[in-house]
C-alpha cells in the first residue's frame, strides 16, 4: 500500500510502504489532497482498473463547506428567545477581518494596526517641519527608540524637506504616542505639533502611502524624487531590523502601485519639481542666465536636478560646494562645473549671482555675515538665493539684507501651482489606480488570513487521515481483505469529516439560527423540499452514523 499526493499536491502527503501477503491483491490508495479547488477523491486501484469509491462531487461539496465553516462564515449569533449569545464556532469572521489592519473579532488574538503619522508642507510651515526633520545619521537611533518608547512592533521613517512621516504597526490606531515621541526626540513642544500633524489607520494609511509614493501628495504634483526617498526609508528600516512581515508587504504593494502610476499616466512627463521651480524663479529675476554664475550647495539628487535645469538654460558658470569634495567633483564633471568644499564658500560667494542650497545639514551653512562680506565685494550687485533644505541651510536673517532675494521652499508654491496644472488630469487617473491598489491590497490581506485557517483545516484532516490509515494498515497486516479495508477506511473518514458539522447544524436548528441552516444548503448544494430549509426549529434533522469515534 502506498499513500501519496497526486496532481502536484504540495507537501501534504507522505509515502510509506507496508508488507502484505503475496496471495493478497496489492492495493493502492491515492489521496488527491486539499488543493486550491478543495477537491478530494478516493480511488481504489486494483491492477489496471480504477473506480471512485465515492461520488467526487459529494466530497467536493463536503470539503468546500467545511472550509467555509472553519474560515468563519458561521459566526456568533444572538437568539432573543434564549437571551444569550450562541457561539457556534470559536473562529474569526474573515469577511470582517484584515490581519494587521483592523481589529479582529471572535476568539482571535489581538492584531496590529497600520498607522501613517506625520506632518508635511500642507499642515506645517517650514520652521515646524525643520524642527522634526531627521538627519540620515539619526535614523538608526530614531527607529530603535521608536520601537522601545512608542511600543510599536514595526516602524519606518520618511524624512524629506517637505514631510516627516512615521509608518508603524502598533497594537492600537492611536497616534498620540507617536506625537509625544516625535516631540521628545527632537526636544520640541508637543503642543507645537498637535495642530500640524495628521494620522491615518488601516486601509486609509495604505492609501496615503500610495499617494505619497506616487507623488500625489507632494508639493509639486507628481514629482519623481519622493518614490526614491520612500525606497531609501524602507531600505534603512530594513537594515536596522525595524520592519516585519506587515510593513514589508505594505511597502512592496505601495511601490508596485507607484510604478503603475508612473508607467500608465503622464504624471511625470512635464519637468515640474522643486528644482525646476527654483530655476524658473531665477529666470524671472535674471532675464539671461547665460551671463550669470550659480553656486549650488550640496550634491544630492535635488541639486543634481537644479544643475541639469540650469545647464539646459545655458547658464554661464556653475560652482558645486559639498562637505565631501569627491561628491562635488563627481557632480561637477557632469556639467563642466567647478567643485569646492563647504569651508571654501566664503572665498567664492561673491562670484555667485544665484545660490541654491539643499543639504541635510542640521545647522545653517550660510550666515548673514558671510553674505554681507560677499555683497561688499560685489559692490552690492543683487544676489538671488533659494533655500530648498529643511532644516534651512541659509540663516533667515539673510533676507534682511537689501540686495538679497531669499526664497524658501514655501515661497516656491506659486511657481509650482502654475506648473502643476498640466498634471491634474493625469492625477485623476493615478487616483483610480491607487484605489484599485487599495482594493487589491485588502484582498491580499484577506488571503493572508485564510492561510492560517487553511493550515489548521489541513492539519485536522491530516490527523484524521493518519489515524484511519494506521487502522487500515493494521487490518491489512493482520490478513484483512483489501476491499473491505478500503470500504471501512472510506466510511470512517466520511463519519469523522461529517461529525462536527452535523453537531453544529443540529445546535443551529435548536437555536433557531435559520441563516446558518440556509448557508448549509447553499454550501453543500442541498436540495431538500424544493431547496428551501425547514424553518421549524422542532423539525428533526436527518441523522446518520456520524459518530466521530466510528
Protein backbone atom coordinates (compact mmCIF):
# COMPACT_ATOMS: atom_id res chain seq x y z
CA UNK A 1 0.00 0.00 0.00
CA UNK A 2 1.24 3.46 -0.81
CA UNK A 3 -0.12 6.79 0.30
CA UNK A 4 0.89 9.65 -1.96
CA UNK A 5 -0.15 13.08 -3.16
CA UNK A 6 -1.46 13.48 -6.66
CA UNK A 7 -1.73 16.22 -9.29
CA UNK A 8 1.14 18.25 -7.88
CA UNK A 9 -0.22 18.35 -4.33
CA UNK A 10 2.44 20.12 -2.30
CA UNK A 11 3.83 18.79 0.95
CA UNK A 12 0.55 17.46 2.32
CA UNK A 13 1.12 13.78 1.63
CA UNK A 14 3.61 11.20 2.72
CA UNK A 15 4.74 7.89 1.38
CA UNK A 16 5.05 4.69 3.32
CA UNK A 17 5.15 1.07 2.32
CA UNK A 18 3.89 -1.93 4.28
CA UNK A 19 4.29 -5.61 3.59
CA UNK A 20 1.27 -7.74 2.73
CA UNK A 21 0.95 -11.40 1.98
CA UNK A 22 1.67 -12.39 -1.59
CA UNK A 23 -1.71 -14.06 -2.06
CA UNK A 24 -3.44 -10.76 -1.29
CA UNK A 25 -4.18 -8.29 -4.02
CA UNK A 26 -1.90 -5.29 -3.71
CA UNK A 27 -3.97 -2.12 -3.45
CA UNK A 28 -3.04 1.47 -3.78
CA UNK A 29 -4.94 4.31 -2.22
CA UNK A 30 -4.34 7.69 -3.77
CA UNK A 31 -5.46 10.77 -1.92
CA UNK A 32 -5.67 13.88 -4.05
CA UNK A 33 -5.19 16.40 -1.24
CA UNK A 34 -6.85 19.68 -0.38
CA UNK A 35 -5.83 21.64 -3.45
CA UNK A 36 -6.92 25.15 -4.42
CA UNK A 37 -10.16 23.64 -5.75
CA UNK A 38 -10.61 21.78 -2.46
CA UNK A 39 -11.35 18.65 -4.47
CA UNK A 40 -10.78 15.31 -2.77
CA UNK A 41 -11.26 11.96 -4.45
CA UNK A 42 -10.55 8.45 -3.25
CA UNK A 43 -9.53 5.82 -5.74
CA UNK A 44 -9.19 2.09 -5.16
CA UNK A 45 -6.69 0.83 -7.69
CA UNK A 46 -6.70 -2.93 -8.36
CA UNK A 47 -4.22 -3.83 -11.06
CA UNK A 48 -5.35 -1.85 -14.15
CA UNK A 49 -8.87 -0.94 -13.00
CA UNK A 50 -9.73 2.34 -11.33
CA UNK A 51 -13.09 3.23 -9.76
CA UNK A 52 -14.07 6.02 -7.39
CA UNK A 53 -15.19 4.77 -4.01
CA UNK A 54 -17.45 7.78 -3.54
CA UNK A 55 -19.01 10.38 -5.78
CA UNK A 56 -16.37 13.09 -6.37
CA UNK A 57 -18.97 15.88 -6.28
CA UNK A 58 -20.10 14.72 -2.86
CA UNK A 59 -16.58 15.05 -1.45
CA UNK A 60 -16.10 18.38 -3.18
CA UNK A 61 -19.21 19.74 -1.51
CA UNK A 62 -18.20 18.43 1.90
CA UNK A 63 -14.72 19.92 1.82
CA UNK A 64 -15.83 23.20 0.33
CA UNK A 65 -18.44 23.61 3.04
CA UNK A 66 -16.02 22.59 5.77
CA UNK A 67 -13.52 25.13 4.54
CA UNK A 68 -16.11 27.90 4.75
CA UNK A 69 -17.16 26.74 8.19
CA UNK A 70 -13.60 26.73 9.51
CA UNK A 71 -12.83 30.02 7.73
CA UNK A 72 -15.52 31.65 9.84
CA UNK A 73 -18.52 32.10 7.56
CA UNK A 74 -20.59 30.95 10.54
CA UNK A 75 -20.22 33.41 13.34
CA UNK A 76 -21.77 34.16 16.70
CA UNK A 77 -25.49 34.92 16.63
CA UNK A 78 -27.93 36.14 19.22
CA UNK A 79 -31.15 34.27 19.94
CA UNK A 80 -33.66 36.55 21.69
CA UNK A 81 -35.61 33.52 22.88
CA UNK A 82 -32.59 32.29 24.81
CA UNK A 83 -31.32 35.71 25.86
CA UNK A 84 -27.68 34.83 25.31
CA UNK A 85 -25.06 34.61 22.63
CA UNK A 86 -24.96 31.32 20.77
CA UNK A 87 -21.36 30.54 19.96
CA UNK A 88 -21.36 28.14 17.05
CA UNK A 89 -17.66 28.13 16.26
CA UNK A 90 -14.77 29.89 18.04
CA UNK A 91 -13.34 31.36 14.85
CA UNK A 92 -12.84 34.79 13.31
CA UNK A 93 -15.03 36.25 10.61
CA UNK A 94 -12.76 36.62 7.61
CA UNK A 95 -15.33 38.85 5.95
CA UNK A 96 -14.72 41.44 8.67
CA UNK A 97 -11.04 40.87 9.26
CA UNK A 98 -7.88 42.06 7.53
CA UNK A 99 -4.94 40.88 9.56
CA UNK A 100 -2.72 43.68 10.77
CA UNK A 101 -5.00 46.48 9.61
CA UNK A 102 -8.29 46.39 11.54
CA UNK A 103 -9.43 44.99 14.84
CA UNK A 104 -10.23 41.29 14.71
CA UNK A 105 -13.25 39.63 16.23
CA UNK A 106 -14.24 36.41 17.98
CA UNK A 107 -11.62 34.41 19.80
CA UNK A 108 -8.71 35.55 17.63
CA UNK A 109 -5.60 37.07 19.23
CA UNK A 110 -5.09 40.85 19.26
CA UNK A 111 -3.90 42.16 15.91
CA UNK A 112 -1.74 45.07 14.88
CA UNK A 113 -2.90 48.21 13.10
CA UNK A 114 -1.11 50.09 10.33
CA UNK A 115 -0.57 53.77 11.13
CA UNK A 116 0.69 56.56 8.88
CA UNK A 117 1.51 59.62 11.01
CA UNK A 118 3.29 62.84 10.12
CA UNK A 119 3.43 66.50 9.17
CA UNK A 120 4.01 67.98 5.73
CA UNK A 121 4.01 71.16 3.68
CA UNK A 122 0.20 71.28 3.78
CA UNK A 123 -0.11 71.14 7.56
CA UNK A 124 3.01 72.88 8.91
CA UNK A 125 5.26 75.84 7.97
CA UNK A 126 8.93 75.30 7.27
CA UNK A 127 10.05 76.19 10.81
CA UNK A 128 7.91 73.37 12.25
CA UNK A 129 8.99 70.89 9.60
CA UNK A 130 12.66 71.58 10.16
CA UNK A 131 12.17 71.14 13.91
CA UNK A 132 11.19 67.48 13.42
CA UNK A 133 13.35 66.57 10.42
CA UNK A 134 15.71 63.62 10.74
CA UNK A 135 19.32 63.68 9.57
CA UNK A 136 20.49 60.42 7.94
CA UNK A 137 22.83 59.71 10.85
CA UNK A 138 19.87 59.93 13.29
CA UNK A 139 17.73 57.29 11.60
CA UNK A 140 19.06 54.17 13.30
CA UNK A 141 18.78 55.69 16.75
CA UNK A 142 15.30 57.02 15.96
CA UNK A 143 13.96 53.69 14.72
CA UNK A 144 15.27 51.80 17.73
CA UNK A 145 13.93 54.46 20.09
CA UNK A 146 10.51 54.37 18.44
CA UNK A 147 10.16 50.64 18.92
CA UNK A 148 11.19 50.85 22.56
CA UNK A 149 9.43 54.05 23.59
CA UNK A 150 6.28 54.20 21.48
CA UNK A 151 5.74 50.43 21.72
CA UNK A 152 5.36 49.75 18.02
CA UNK A 153 6.24 46.37 16.56
CA UNK A 154 7.32 47.58 13.11
CA UNK A 155 8.33 51.06 12.00
CA UNK A 156 9.90 53.11 9.21
CA UNK A 157 10.55 56.86 8.98
CA UNK A 158 10.40 59.05 5.87
CA UNK A 159 12.04 62.46 6.26
CA UNK A 160 12.33 64.94 3.38
CA UNK A 161 12.35 68.69 3.05
CA UNK A 162 8.55 68.70 2.79
CA UNK A 163 7.46 65.97 5.18
CA UNK A 164 8.31 63.80 8.14
CA UNK A 165 6.21 60.65 8.32
CA UNK A 166 6.20 57.57 10.52
CA UNK A 167 4.79 54.28 9.25
CA UNK A 168 4.18 51.80 12.04
CA UNK A 169 2.43 48.61 13.07
CA UNK A 170 1.00 49.16 16.55
CA UNK A 171 -1.47 47.47 18.87
CA UNK A 172 -3.85 50.40 18.50
CA UNK A 173 -4.54 53.11 15.96
CA UNK A 174 -3.91 55.88 18.48
CA UNK A 175 -1.19 58.19 17.15
CA UNK A 176 -0.81 60.12 20.41
CA UNK A 177 2.22 58.08 21.48
CA UNK A 178 3.92 58.83 18.15
CA UNK A 179 3.27 62.55 18.56
CA UNK A 180 4.75 62.54 22.06
CA UNK A 181 7.77 60.51 20.94
CA UNK A 182 8.45 62.82 17.97
CA UNK A 183 8.36 65.91 20.19
CA UNK A 184 10.60 64.33 22.83
CA UNK A 185 13.13 63.02 20.33
CA UNK A 186 13.58 66.48 18.81
CA UNK A 187 13.25 68.38 22.09
CA UNK A 188 10.34 70.43 20.85
CA UNK A 189 6.94 71.28 22.31
CA UNK A 190 4.27 68.67 21.61
CA UNK A 191 1.61 71.40 21.53
CA UNK A 192 3.50 72.92 18.63
CA UNK A 193 2.90 69.75 16.65
CA UNK A 194 -0.62 68.95 17.83
CA UNK A 195 -2.28 71.26 15.29
CA UNK A 196 0.08 70.36 12.46
CA UNK A 197 0.01 66.57 12.35
CA UNK A 198 -2.22 64.04 10.62
CA UNK A 199 -2.68 60.32 11.02
CA UNK A 200 -4.32 57.52 9.06
CA UNK A 201 -5.02 53.93 10.05
CA UNK A 202 -5.74 50.67 8.25
CA UNK A 203 -6.53 50.94 4.56
CA UNK A 204 -6.54 54.74 4.79
CA UNK A 205 -2.90 54.54 5.88
CA UNK A 206 -2.05 52.27 2.94
CA UNK A 207 -3.86 54.65 0.58
CA UNK A 208 -1.92 57.62 1.97
CA UNK A 209 1.40 55.83 1.49
CA UNK A 210 0.47 55.04 -2.12
CA UNK A 211 -0.39 58.69 -2.76
CA UNK A 212 2.89 59.83 -1.25
CA UNK A 213 4.98 57.34 -3.26
CA UNK A 214 3.14 58.29 -6.47
CA UNK A 215 3.78 61.99 -5.94
CA UNK A 216 0.09 62.89 -5.49
CA UNK A 217 0.71 64.31 -2.03
CA UNK A 218 3.90 66.21 -2.93
CA UNK A 219 4.34 69.97 -3.02
CA UNK A 220 4.97 69.50 -6.73
CA UNK A 221 2.30 67.17 -8.07
CA UNK A 222 3.84 64.01 -9.47
CA UNK A 223 7.46 64.84 -8.59
CA UNK A 224 9.55 61.69 -9.03
CA UNK A 225 12.09 62.06 -6.20
CA UNK A 226 9.66 61.01 -3.46
CA UNK A 227 9.48 57.40 -4.64
CA UNK A 228 13.26 57.07 -4.35
CA UNK A 229 13.15 58.72 -0.94
CA UNK A 230 10.49 56.29 0.27
CA UNK A 231 12.52 53.35 -1.02
CA UNK A 232 15.50 54.70 0.92
CA UNK A 233 13.36 54.92 4.06
CA UNK A 234 12.31 51.31 3.53
CA UNK A 235 15.91 50.17 2.97
CA UNK A 236 17.11 51.99 6.10
CA UNK A 237 14.41 50.44 8.29
CA UNK A 238 15.15 47.05 6.78
CA UNK A 239 18.86 47.40 7.57
CA UNK A 240 18.09 48.42 11.16
CA UNK A 241 15.71 45.48 11.52
CA UNK A 242 12.61 47.52 12.40
CA UNK A 243 10.45 46.01 9.66
CA UNK A 244 8.30 42.92 9.93
CA UNK A 245 6.05 40.99 7.58
CA UNK A 246 3.24 43.55 7.60
CA UNK A 247 5.30 46.61 6.66
CA UNK A 248 7.33 44.56 4.19
CA UNK A 249 4.10 43.62 2.41
CA UNK A 250 2.76 47.16 2.64
CA UNK A 251 5.85 48.80 1.17
CA UNK A 252 6.06 46.31 -1.69
CA UNK A 253 2.43 46.96 -2.58
CA UNK A 254 2.99 50.71 -2.34
CA UNK A 255 5.99 50.52 -4.67
CA UNK A 256 4.05 48.37 -7.13
CA UNK A 257 1.19 50.86 -7.29
CA UNK A 258 3.55 53.82 -7.65
CA UNK A 259 5.27 52.06 -10.54
CA UNK A 260 1.90 51.62 -12.26
CA UNK A 261 1.11 55.30 -11.79
CA UNK A 262 4.43 56.29 -13.38
CA UNK A 263 4.11 53.91 -16.32
CA UNK A 264 0.39 54.28 -17.07
CA UNK A 265 -0.12 58.04 -16.63
CA UNK A 266 1.58 61.26 -17.72
CA UNK A 267 2.05 62.34 -14.11
CA UNK A 268 5.82 62.71 -14.51
CA UNK A 269 6.17 63.81 -18.10
CA UNK A 270 6.45 67.56 -17.54
CA UNK A 271 9.58 68.69 -15.65
CA UNK A 272 7.79 70.16 -12.65
CA UNK A 273 9.69 69.87 -9.35
CA UNK A 274 11.10 72.00 -6.57
CA UNK A 275 14.34 72.12 -8.54
CA UNK A 276 12.52 73.20 -11.68
CA UNK A 277 10.53 75.80 -9.74
CA UNK A 278 13.75 77.23 -8.29
CA UNK A 279 15.28 77.62 -11.74
CA UNK A 280 12.04 79.10 -13.11
CA UNK A 281 12.10 81.71 -10.37
CA UNK A 282 15.73 82.52 -11.17
CA UNK A 283 14.75 83.07 -14.81
CA UNK A 284 12.12 85.59 -13.73
CA UNK A 285 14.76 87.62 -11.86
CA UNK A 286 17.65 87.18 -14.30
CA UNK A 287 16.43 87.53 -17.87
CA UNK A 288 19.52 85.89 -19.38
CA UNK A 289 21.18 83.10 -17.38
CA UNK A 290 23.96 82.88 -19.96
CA UNK A 291 25.63 85.81 -18.20
CA UNK A 292 25.31 84.51 -14.65
CA UNK A 293 27.16 82.23 -12.24
CA UNK A 294 25.38 79.83 -9.86
CA UNK A 295 26.67 78.37 -6.61
CA UNK A 296 24.98 75.06 -5.79
CA UNK A 297 25.38 73.93 -2.19
CA UNK A 298 25.04 70.17 -1.81
CA UNK A 299 25.49 67.26 -4.19
CA UNK A 300 22.33 65.23 -3.74
CA UNK A 301 19.52 64.37 -6.10
CA UNK A 302 17.74 67.72 -5.83
CA UNK A 303 20.89 69.74 -6.52
CA UNK A 304 21.67 67.47 -9.46
CA UNK A 305 18.23 68.28 -10.89
CA UNK A 306 18.86 72.00 -10.33
CA UNK A 307 22.17 71.71 -12.14
CA UNK A 308 20.51 69.90 -15.03
CA UNK A 309 17.80 72.56 -15.41
CA UNK A 310 20.36 75.39 -15.19
CA UNK A 311 22.56 73.73 -17.81
CA UNK A 312 19.56 73.41 -20.13
CA UNK A 313 19.02 77.17 -19.79
CA UNK A 314 22.60 77.85 -20.84
CA UNK A 315 23.99 79.05 -17.51
CA UNK A 316 27.42 80.68 -17.90
CA UNK A 317 29.23 79.17 -14.89
CA UNK A 318 28.42 76.67 -12.15
CA UNK A 319 30.16 76.04 -8.80
CA UNK A 320 29.30 72.95 -6.71
CA UNK A 321 30.08 73.05 -2.98
CA UNK A 322 29.81 69.99 -0.76
CA UNK A 323 31.07 68.65 2.55
CA UNK A 324 32.75 65.78 0.68
CA UNK A 325 34.90 67.08 -2.16
CA UNK A 326 34.74 63.79 -4.05
CA UNK A 327 30.95 64.02 -4.36
CA UNK A 328 31.21 67.63 -5.50
CA UNK A 329 33.79 66.69 -8.14
CA UNK A 330 31.65 63.82 -9.40
CA UNK A 331 28.63 66.09 -9.88
CA UNK A 332 30.69 68.98 -11.30
CA UNK A 333 32.13 66.74 -14.04
CA UNK A 334 28.67 66.19 -15.50
CA UNK A 335 28.18 69.91 -16.12
CA UNK A 336 31.72 71.18 -16.64
CA UNK A 337 31.47 72.93 -13.29
CA UNK A 338 33.90 73.84 -10.52
CA UNK A 339 33.99 71.82 -7.26
CA UNK A 340 34.79 73.26 -3.81
CA UNK A 341 34.36 72.34 -0.14
CA UNK A 342 31.72 73.91 2.09
CA UNK A 343 34.52 75.56 4.04
CA UNK A 344 35.58 77.38 0.85
CA UNK A 345 32.19 79.03 0.26
CA UNK A 346 33.10 82.41 1.85
CA UNK A 347 36.02 82.78 -0.57
CA UNK A 348 33.84 82.14 -3.64
CA UNK A 349 30.47 83.51 -2.56
CA UNK A 350 30.97 86.93 -4.17
CA UNK A 351 31.26 85.24 -7.60
CA UNK A 352 27.72 83.84 -7.44
CA UNK A 353 24.65 85.60 -8.78
CA UNK A 354 22.45 82.62 -7.96
CA UNK A 355 22.78 80.48 -4.83
CA UNK A 356 20.63 77.36 -4.48
CA UNK A 357 21.15 75.15 -1.44
CA UNK A 358 19.86 71.70 -0.49
CA UNK A 359 21.82 69.70 2.10
CA UNK A 360 20.97 67.50 5.08
CA UNK A 361 22.88 69.73 7.50
CA UNK A 362 21.25 70.28 10.88
CA UNK A 363 22.86 73.74 11.18
CA UNK A 364 22.88 76.72 8.78
CA UNK A 365 25.73 76.70 6.28
CA UNK A 366 25.47 80.28 5.08
CA UNK A 367 25.20 83.12 7.61
CA UNK A 368 24.39 86.79 7.39
CA UNK A 369 27.99 87.88 7.98
CA UNK A 370 29.37 85.87 5.07
CA UNK A 371 26.72 87.23 2.72
CA UNK A 372 27.37 90.81 3.84
CA UNK A 373 31.06 90.38 3.06
CA UNK A 374 30.26 88.96 -0.37
CA UNK A 375 27.90 91.86 -1.17
CA UNK A 376 30.68 94.36 -0.44
CA UNK A 377 32.99 92.57 -2.91
CA UNK A 378 30.15 92.57 -5.47
CA UNK A 379 29.53 96.29 -4.87
CA UNK A 380 26.02 95.37 -3.80
CA UNK A 381 25.10 93.69 -7.05
CA UNK A 382 21.91 91.70 -6.21
CA UNK A 383 22.11 88.04 -5.23
CA UNK A 384 19.27 85.54 -5.72
CA UNK A 385 19.07 82.71 -3.17
CA UNK A 386 16.78 79.69 -2.89
CA UNK A 387 16.99 77.56 0.24
CA UNK A 388 15.34 74.21 -0.55
CA UNK A 389 16.70 72.47 2.55
CA UNK A 390 14.79 71.56 5.71
CA UNK A 391 16.25 72.42 8.18
CA UNK A 392 17.26 75.59 6.34
CA UNK A 393 20.82 75.98 5.08
CA UNK A 394 20.69 79.79 4.91
CA UNK A 395 20.06 81.87 8.03
CA UNK A 396 16.68 83.61 7.88
CA UNK A 397 18.38 86.92 8.83
CA UNK A 398 20.00 86.98 5.37
CA UNK A 399 16.62 88.07 3.99
CA UNK A 400 17.04 91.34 5.90
CA UNK A 401 19.84 92.41 3.55
CA UNK A 402 18.56 94.86 0.93
CA UNK A 403 20.45 93.37 -2.03
CA UNK A 404 19.50 89.74 -1.37
CA UNK A 405 16.38 88.00 -2.64
CA UNK A 406 15.98 84.93 -0.42
CA UNK A 407 13.30 82.33 -1.07
CA UNK A 408 12.46 79.17 0.86
CA UNK A 409 10.56 76.05 -0.18
CA UNK A 410 7.30 77.66 0.88
CA UNK A 411 7.93 80.67 -1.38
CA UNK A 412 8.07 78.39 -4.41
CA UNK A 413 4.41 77.42 -4.05
CA UNK A 414 3.08 80.00 -6.55
CA UNK A 415 5.53 78.90 -9.23
CA UNK A 416 4.71 75.29 -8.55
CA UNK A 417 0.94 75.85 -8.63
CA UNK A 418 1.19 77.32 -12.10
CA UNK A 419 3.26 74.46 -13.46
CA UNK A 420 1.27 71.63 -11.91
CA UNK A 421 -1.99 72.24 -13.78
CA UNK A 422 -0.82 70.14 -16.68
CA UNK A 423 -0.64 67.14 -14.36
CA UNK A 424 -4.10 67.38 -12.86
CA UNK A 425 -5.75 65.16 -15.46
CA UNK A 426 -3.05 62.54 -15.00
CA UNK A 427 -3.61 62.76 -11.25
CA UNK A 428 -7.25 61.71 -11.69
CA UNK A 429 -6.17 58.56 -13.50
CA UNK A 430 -3.49 57.98 -10.88
CA UNK A 431 -6.12 58.20 -8.13
CA UNK A 432 -8.14 55.47 -9.82
CA UNK A 433 -5.03 53.27 -9.99
CA UNK A 434 -4.40 53.86 -6.29
CA UNK A 435 -7.97 52.89 -5.39
CA UNK A 436 -7.51 49.69 -7.39
CA UNK A 437 -4.29 49.12 -5.46
CA UNK A 438 -6.01 49.62 -2.11
CA UNK A 439 -8.75 47.14 -3.04
CA UNK A 440 -6.18 44.63 -4.26
CA UNK A 441 -4.16 45.04 -1.07
CA UNK A 442 -7.26 44.43 1.04
CA UNK A 443 -7.84 41.21 -0.91
CA UNK A 444 -4.22 40.19 -0.31
CA UNK A 445 -4.68 40.68 3.43
CA UNK A 446 -7.85 38.63 3.50
CA UNK A 447 -5.98 35.90 1.68
CA UNK A 448 -3.29 36.04 4.37
CA UNK A 449 -5.98 35.45 6.98
CA UNK A 450 -7.14 32.39 5.07
CA UNK A 451 -3.65 30.90 5.15
CA UNK A 452 -3.75 30.28 8.90
CA UNK A 453 -7.24 28.83 8.64
CA UNK A 454 -6.24 26.52 5.80
CA UNK A 455 -3.26 25.30 7.82
CA UNK A 456 -5.47 24.39 10.76
CA UNK A 457 -8.03 22.83 8.44
CA UNK A 458 -5.39 20.78 6.66
CA UNK A 459 -3.79 19.69 9.92
CA UNK A 460 -7.12 18.44 11.28
CA UNK A 461 -7.80 16.45 8.10
CA UNK A 462 -4.30 15.01 8.08
CA UNK A 463 -4.72 13.86 11.66
CA UNK A 464 -7.92 12.08 10.67
CA UNK A 465 -6.19 10.60 7.64
CA UNK A 466 -3.17 9.37 9.61
CA UNK A 467 -5.28 7.73 12.27
CA UNK A 468 -7.54 5.94 9.81
CA UNK A 469 -4.61 4.95 7.60
CA UNK A 470 -2.89 3.40 10.60
CA UNK A 471 -6.03 1.37 11.35
CA UNK A 472 -6.25 0.25 7.72
CA UNK A 473 -2.60 -0.78 7.68
CA UNK A 474 -3.09 -2.89 10.81
CA UNK A 475 -6.10 -4.65 9.27
CA UNK A 476 -4.13 -5.46 6.13
CA UNK A 477 -1.12 -6.69 8.12
CA UNK A 478 -3.42 -8.98 10.07
CA UNK A 479 -4.73 -10.50 6.85
CA UNK A 480 -7.86 -8.45 6.29
CA UNK A 481 -9.48 -8.35 2.88
CA UNK A 482 -8.18 -5.24 0.99
CA UNK A 483 -11.61 -4.40 -0.46
CA UNK A 484 -13.24 -4.45 2.98
CA UNK A 485 -10.37 -2.44 4.45
CA UNK A 486 -10.83 0.23 1.77
CA UNK A 487 -14.58 0.38 2.33
CA UNK A 488 -14.10 0.74 6.10
CA UNK A 489 -11.44 3.42 5.59
CA UNK A 490 -13.83 5.41 3.38
CA UNK A 491 -16.70 5.05 5.87
CA UNK A 492 -14.57 6.10 8.84
CA UNK A 493 -13.20 9.17 7.04
CA UNK A 494 -16.70 10.15 5.95
CA UNK A 495 -18.01 9.87 9.51
CA UNK A 496 -15.16 11.83 11.02
CA UNK A 497 -15.40 14.62 8.45
CA UNK A 498 -19.19 14.86 8.92
CA UNK A 499 -19.29 14.59 12.72
CA UNK A 500 -18.53 18.17 13.85
CA UNK A 501 -20.53 19.95 11.10
CA UNK A 502 -23.52 17.70 11.87
CA UNK A 503 -23.35 18.57 15.57
CA UNK A 504 -23.14 22.28 14.77
CA UNK A 505 -26.09 22.24 12.38
CA UNK A 506 -28.20 20.44 15.00
CA UNK A 507 -27.34 23.11 17.55
CA UNK A 508 -28.18 25.80 14.99
CA UNK A 509 -31.57 24.25 14.36
CA UNK A 510 -32.37 24.13 18.07
CA UNK A 511 -31.22 27.76 18.48
CA UNK A 512 -33.30 28.87 15.51
CA UNK A 513 -30.28 30.00 13.56
CA UNK A 514 -32.00 29.68 10.20
CA UNK A 515 -29.36 31.73 8.44
CA UNK A 516 -26.81 29.08 9.28
CA UNK A 517 -29.09 26.33 8.01
CA UNK A 518 -29.63 28.24 4.78
CA UNK A 519 -25.87 28.59 4.45
CA UNK A 520 -25.53 24.82 4.82
CA UNK A 521 -27.98 24.29 1.97
CA UNK A 522 -26.09 26.73 -0.22
CA UNK A 523 -22.60 25.48 0.65
CA UNK A 524 -23.45 21.79 0.26
CA UNK A 525 -25.75 22.48 -2.73
CA UNK A 526 -28.51 20.54 -0.98
CA UNK A 527 -31.99 20.30 -2.43
CA UNK A 528 -34.48 19.46 0.31
CA UNK A 529 -38.18 20.23 -0.08
CA UNK A 530 -37.63 22.32 -3.18
CA UNK A 531 -34.40 23.86 -1.99
CA UNK A 532 -35.83 25.80 0.98
CA UNK A 533 -34.75 24.88 4.51
CA UNK A 534 -37.32 23.88 7.07
CA UNK A 535 -37.53 26.83 9.44
CA UNK A 536 -39.42 24.88 12.05
CA UNK A 537 -36.97 24.52 14.96
CA UNK A 538 -38.91 21.48 16.16
CA UNK A 539 -38.39 19.61 12.90
CA UNK A 540 -35.68 16.97 13.31
CA UNK A 541 -32.66 16.88 11.07
CA UNK A 542 -31.79 13.73 9.15
CA UNK A 543 -29.43 11.71 11.26
CA UNK A 544 -26.93 9.17 10.18
CA UNK A 545 -23.99 7.32 11.55
CA UNK A 546 -21.72 10.31 12.05
CA UNK A 547 -20.05 9.28 15.25
CA UNK A 548 -16.57 10.69 15.41
CA UNK A 549 -15.44 7.51 17.06
CA UNK A 550 -16.57 5.18 14.27
